[in-house]
């Protein structure tokens, strides 16, 4: 009888420690460490001409180096896709913004991000518009100017898919870009 009670007690203690273990998950490891938002100015060739896109972004920082947020860019004024047509266009797109900045606590550090979302290209002459999907990876460097302000410079590639306007190829909208970013917010902890 004593052996049975002792074995039951040992089994209970082993099972209690087994069930007491906490599973390690992605969200257990990610700690909320800040909130940031800012502006982005993007310089790119669209079609045969160069144009500027401007916009903003905002989101939350986790574990000092992961950013999850939302971004949006819109062309500044009208642009022409080629030099032989009088058709003027405007473009805007927005979407989920995922970023990674290793060693973001250092004054100068690497910054990468990926924006995936949808957008619209509008032909102002024909009053037509078309929706598309945009995927935009970015790599750059970021400078921590003061604790609440950062400046970044870098570049990437905007890939546009699923544009259905008959006169436009998605390759005209997909191009490399250079970008300047201003980031404001606060990050706590170390």
Protein backbone atom coordinates (compact mmCIF):
# COMPACT_ATOMS: atom_id res chain seq x y z
CA UNK A 1 0.00 0.00 0.00
CA UNK A 2 2.84 2.38 0.90
CA UNK A 3 4.58 1.60 -2.42
CA UNK A 4 1.38 2.37 -4.34
CA UNK A 5 0.93 5.72 -2.55
CA UNK A 6 4.61 6.56 -3.10
CA UNK A 7 4.40 5.67 -6.81
CA UNK A 8 1.16 7.66 -7.18
CA UNK A 9 2.79 10.64 -5.43
CA UNK A 10 5.86 10.45 -7.72
CA UNK A 11 3.63 10.15 -10.81
CA UNK A 12 1.61 13.16 -9.65
CA UNK A 13 4.77 15.25 -9.12
CA UNK A 14 6.21 14.28 -12.53
CA UNK A 15 2.92 15.08 -14.27
CA UNK A 16 2.63 18.40 -12.41
CA UNK A 17 6.08 19.48 -13.59
CA UNK A 18 5.35 18.28 -17.14
CA UNK A 19 2.11 20.27 -17.31
CA UNK A 20 3.72 23.24 -15.59
CA UNK A 21 6.10 23.82 -18.50
CA UNK A 22 5.16 26.78 -20.64
CA UNK A 23 5.31 26.31 -24.40
CA UNK A 24 7.64 28.67 -26.17
CA UNK A 25 5.84 30.54 -28.94
CA UNK A 26 6.60 33.43 -31.24
CA UNK A 27 4.53 35.82 -29.15
CA UNK A 28 6.21 34.77 -25.89
CA UNK A 29 9.55 35.79 -27.36
CA UNK A 30 8.32 39.05 -28.90
CA UNK A 31 8.07 41.79 -26.32
CA UNK A 32 6.29 45.05 -27.12
CA UNK A 33 9.06 47.68 -26.98
CA UNK A 34 7.89 50.73 -28.90
CA UNK A 35 5.63 52.54 -31.33
CA UNK A 36 6.82 54.42 -34.43
CA UNK A 37 5.39 56.33 -37.34
CA UNK A 38 6.75 58.63 -39.96
CA UNK A 39 7.01 59.76 -43.53
CA UNK A 40 8.65 58.25 -46.59
CA UNK A 41 9.61 59.89 -49.88
CA UNK A 42 10.26 57.48 -52.71
CA UNK A 43 12.05 58.42 -55.97
CA UNK A 44 11.44 55.99 -58.82
CA UNK A 45 11.17 55.54 -62.54
CA UNK A 46 7.68 54.61 -63.66
CA UNK A 47 7.48 53.85 -67.35
CA UNK A 48 9.91 56.17 -69.16
CA UNK A 49 9.70 59.02 -66.65
CA UNK A 50 10.77 59.63 -63.08
CA UNK A 51 8.33 60.53 -60.37
CA UNK A 52 8.11 60.98 -56.62
CA UNK A 53 5.84 59.05 -54.30
CA UNK A 54 5.25 60.20 -50.77
CA UNK A 55 3.39 58.79 -47.84
CA UNK A 56 3.63 57.51 -44.35
CA UNK A 57 3.67 54.50 -42.13
CA UNK A 58 3.03 53.53 -38.55
CA UNK A 59 3.27 50.49 -36.39
CA UNK A 60 4.56 48.71 -33.34
CA UNK A 61 8.05 47.59 -32.45
CA UNK A 62 8.71 44.21 -30.85
CA UNK A 63 11.91 43.03 -29.16
CA UNK A 64 13.69 46.24 -30.28
CA UNK A 65 14.26 45.00 -33.83
CA UNK A 66 10.96 43.79 -35.38
CA UNK A 67 8.41 46.25 -36.81
CA UNK A 68 4.84 45.36 -37.76
CA UNK A 69 2.69 48.10 -39.21
CA UNK A 70 0.95 49.67 -42.18
CA UNK A 71 2.35 51.90 -44.93
CA UNK A 72 0.98 53.95 -47.82
CA UNK A 73 2.52 55.78 -50.80
CA UNK A 74 0.91 58.09 -53.39
CA UNK A 75 2.43 59.75 -56.45
CA UNK A 76 3.06 63.46 -56.11
CA UNK A 77 1.13 65.03 -58.95
CA UNK A 78 0.54 63.40 -62.32
CA UNK A 79 3.06 61.47 -64.40
CA UNK A 80 3.34 60.13 -67.94
CA UNK A 81 4.20 56.48 -68.56
CA UNK A 82 5.84 57.21 -71.92
CA UNK A 83 6.88 60.24 -73.92
CA UNK A 84 4.57 59.50 -76.88
CA UNK A 85 1.25 59.63 -75.03
CA UNK A 86 -0.61 62.49 -73.39
CA UNK A 87 -2.22 60.17 -70.85
CA UNK A 88 -1.54 61.34 -67.30
CA UNK A 89 -1.56 58.91 -64.41
CA UNK A 90 -1.67 58.84 -60.63
CA UNK A 91 -0.67 55.87 -58.53
CA UNK A 92 -1.18 54.94 -54.89
CA UNK A 93 -0.70 51.77 -52.90
CA UNK A 94 -0.70 50.65 -49.29
CA UNK A 95 -0.36 47.53 -47.24
CA UNK A 96 1.17 45.53 -44.44
CA UNK A 97 4.69 46.62 -43.52
CA UNK A 98 7.06 44.13 -41.88
CA UNK A 99 10.50 45.31 -40.84
CA UNK A 100 13.67 44.05 -39.23
CA UNK A 101 16.44 46.26 -37.82
CA UNK A 102 19.23 44.27 -36.21
CA UNK A 103 20.97 46.16 -33.40
CA UNK A 104 18.53 49.09 -33.67
CA UNK A 105 19.94 50.47 -30.39
CA UNK A 106 23.19 51.42 -32.21
CA UNK A 107 23.36 54.95 -33.64
CA UNK A 108 23.78 53.64 -37.22
CA UNK A 109 22.21 50.31 -38.12
CA UNK A 110 20.81 48.26 -40.97
CA UNK A 111 17.09 48.38 -41.71
CA UNK A 112 15.10 46.04 -43.94
CA UNK A 113 11.40 45.85 -44.58
CA UNK A 114 8.79 44.44 -46.86
CA UNK A 115 5.51 46.07 -47.82
CA UNK A 116 2.81 43.88 -49.37
CA UNK A 117 -0.53 45.36 -50.35
CA UNK A 118 -2.82 46.62 -53.03
CA UNK A 119 -2.90 49.78 -55.06
CA UNK A 120 -4.55 51.68 -57.84
CA UNK A 121 -3.33 53.25 -61.07
CA UNK A 122 -5.63 55.93 -62.45
CA UNK A 123 -5.60 57.23 -66.04
CA UNK A 124 -6.77 60.84 -65.65
CA UNK A 125 -7.43 61.41 -69.36
CA UNK A 126 -9.68 58.39 -69.89
CA UNK A 127 -11.02 58.34 -66.33
CA UNK A 128 -10.06 54.67 -65.98
CA UNK A 129 -8.47 53.01 -63.03
CA UNK A 130 -7.02 49.62 -62.34
CA UNK A 131 -6.18 47.83 -59.14
CA UNK A 132 -2.95 45.93 -58.67
CA UNK A 133 -0.91 44.07 -56.08
CA UNK A 134 2.40 45.58 -54.94
CA UNK A 135 5.32 43.83 -53.24
CA UNK A 136 8.09 46.18 -52.16
CA UNK A 137 11.27 44.99 -50.39
CA UNK A 138 13.61 47.66 -49.00
CA UNK A 139 17.13 47.71 -47.54
CA UNK A 140 18.82 50.74 -46.03
CA UNK A 141 20.61 52.29 -43.11
CA UNK A 142 19.00 54.19 -40.28
CA UNK A 143 20.52 56.82 -38.02
CA UNK A 144 19.20 57.35 -34.48
CA UNK A 145 19.34 61.18 -34.35
CA UNK A 146 17.73 61.49 -30.91
CA UNK A 147 15.82 58.93 -28.86
CA UNK A 148 12.49 59.80 -30.51
CA UNK A 149 13.67 60.49 -34.10
CA UNK A 150 15.42 58.40 -36.75
CA UNK A 151 16.39 59.11 -40.36
CA UNK A 152 16.79 56.36 -42.93
CA UNK A 153 18.05 56.17 -46.49
CA UNK A 154 17.98 53.16 -48.76
CA UNK A 155 16.42 51.55 -51.76
CA UNK A 156 14.50 48.61 -53.03
CA UNK A 157 12.32 47.29 -55.79
CA UNK A 158 8.61 47.76 -56.33
CA UNK A 159 7.07 44.72 -58.05
CA UNK A 160 3.56 45.24 -59.41
CA UNK A 161 1.29 42.34 -60.37
CA UNK A 162 -2.19 41.95 -61.82
CA UNK A 163 -2.64 45.26 -63.64
CA UNK A 164 -5.38 44.95 -66.27
CA UNK A 165 -5.27 48.29 -68.08
CA UNK A 166 -4.81 47.37 -71.76
CA UNK A 167 -2.11 49.92 -72.62
CA UNK A 168 0.05 49.25 -69.56
CA UNK A 169 2.44 46.46 -68.78
CA UNK A 170 3.18 45.71 -65.15
CA UNK A 171 6.89 45.96 -66.00
CA UNK A 172 6.31 49.70 -66.57
CA UNK A 173 5.19 50.05 -62.95
CA UNK A 174 7.80 47.70 -61.45
CA UNK A 175 11.13 49.42 -60.88
CA UNK A 176 13.93 50.11 -58.44
CA UNK A 177 13.53 53.08 -56.13
CA UNK A 178 15.48 55.18 -53.67
CA UNK A 179 13.87 56.35 -50.46
CA UNK A 180 14.35 58.77 -47.58
CA UNK A 181 12.48 58.11 -44.32
CA UNK A 182 11.80 60.12 -41.20
CA UNK A 183 10.68 58.09 -38.21
CA UNK A 184 9.21 59.43 -34.97
CA UNK A 185 8.17 57.56 -31.87
CA UNK A 186 9.56 55.95 -28.78
CA UNK A 187 11.34 52.74 -27.93
CA UNK A 188 11.85 51.56 -24.38
CA UNK A 189 13.84 48.85 -22.71
CA UNK A 190 17.11 47.40 -23.96
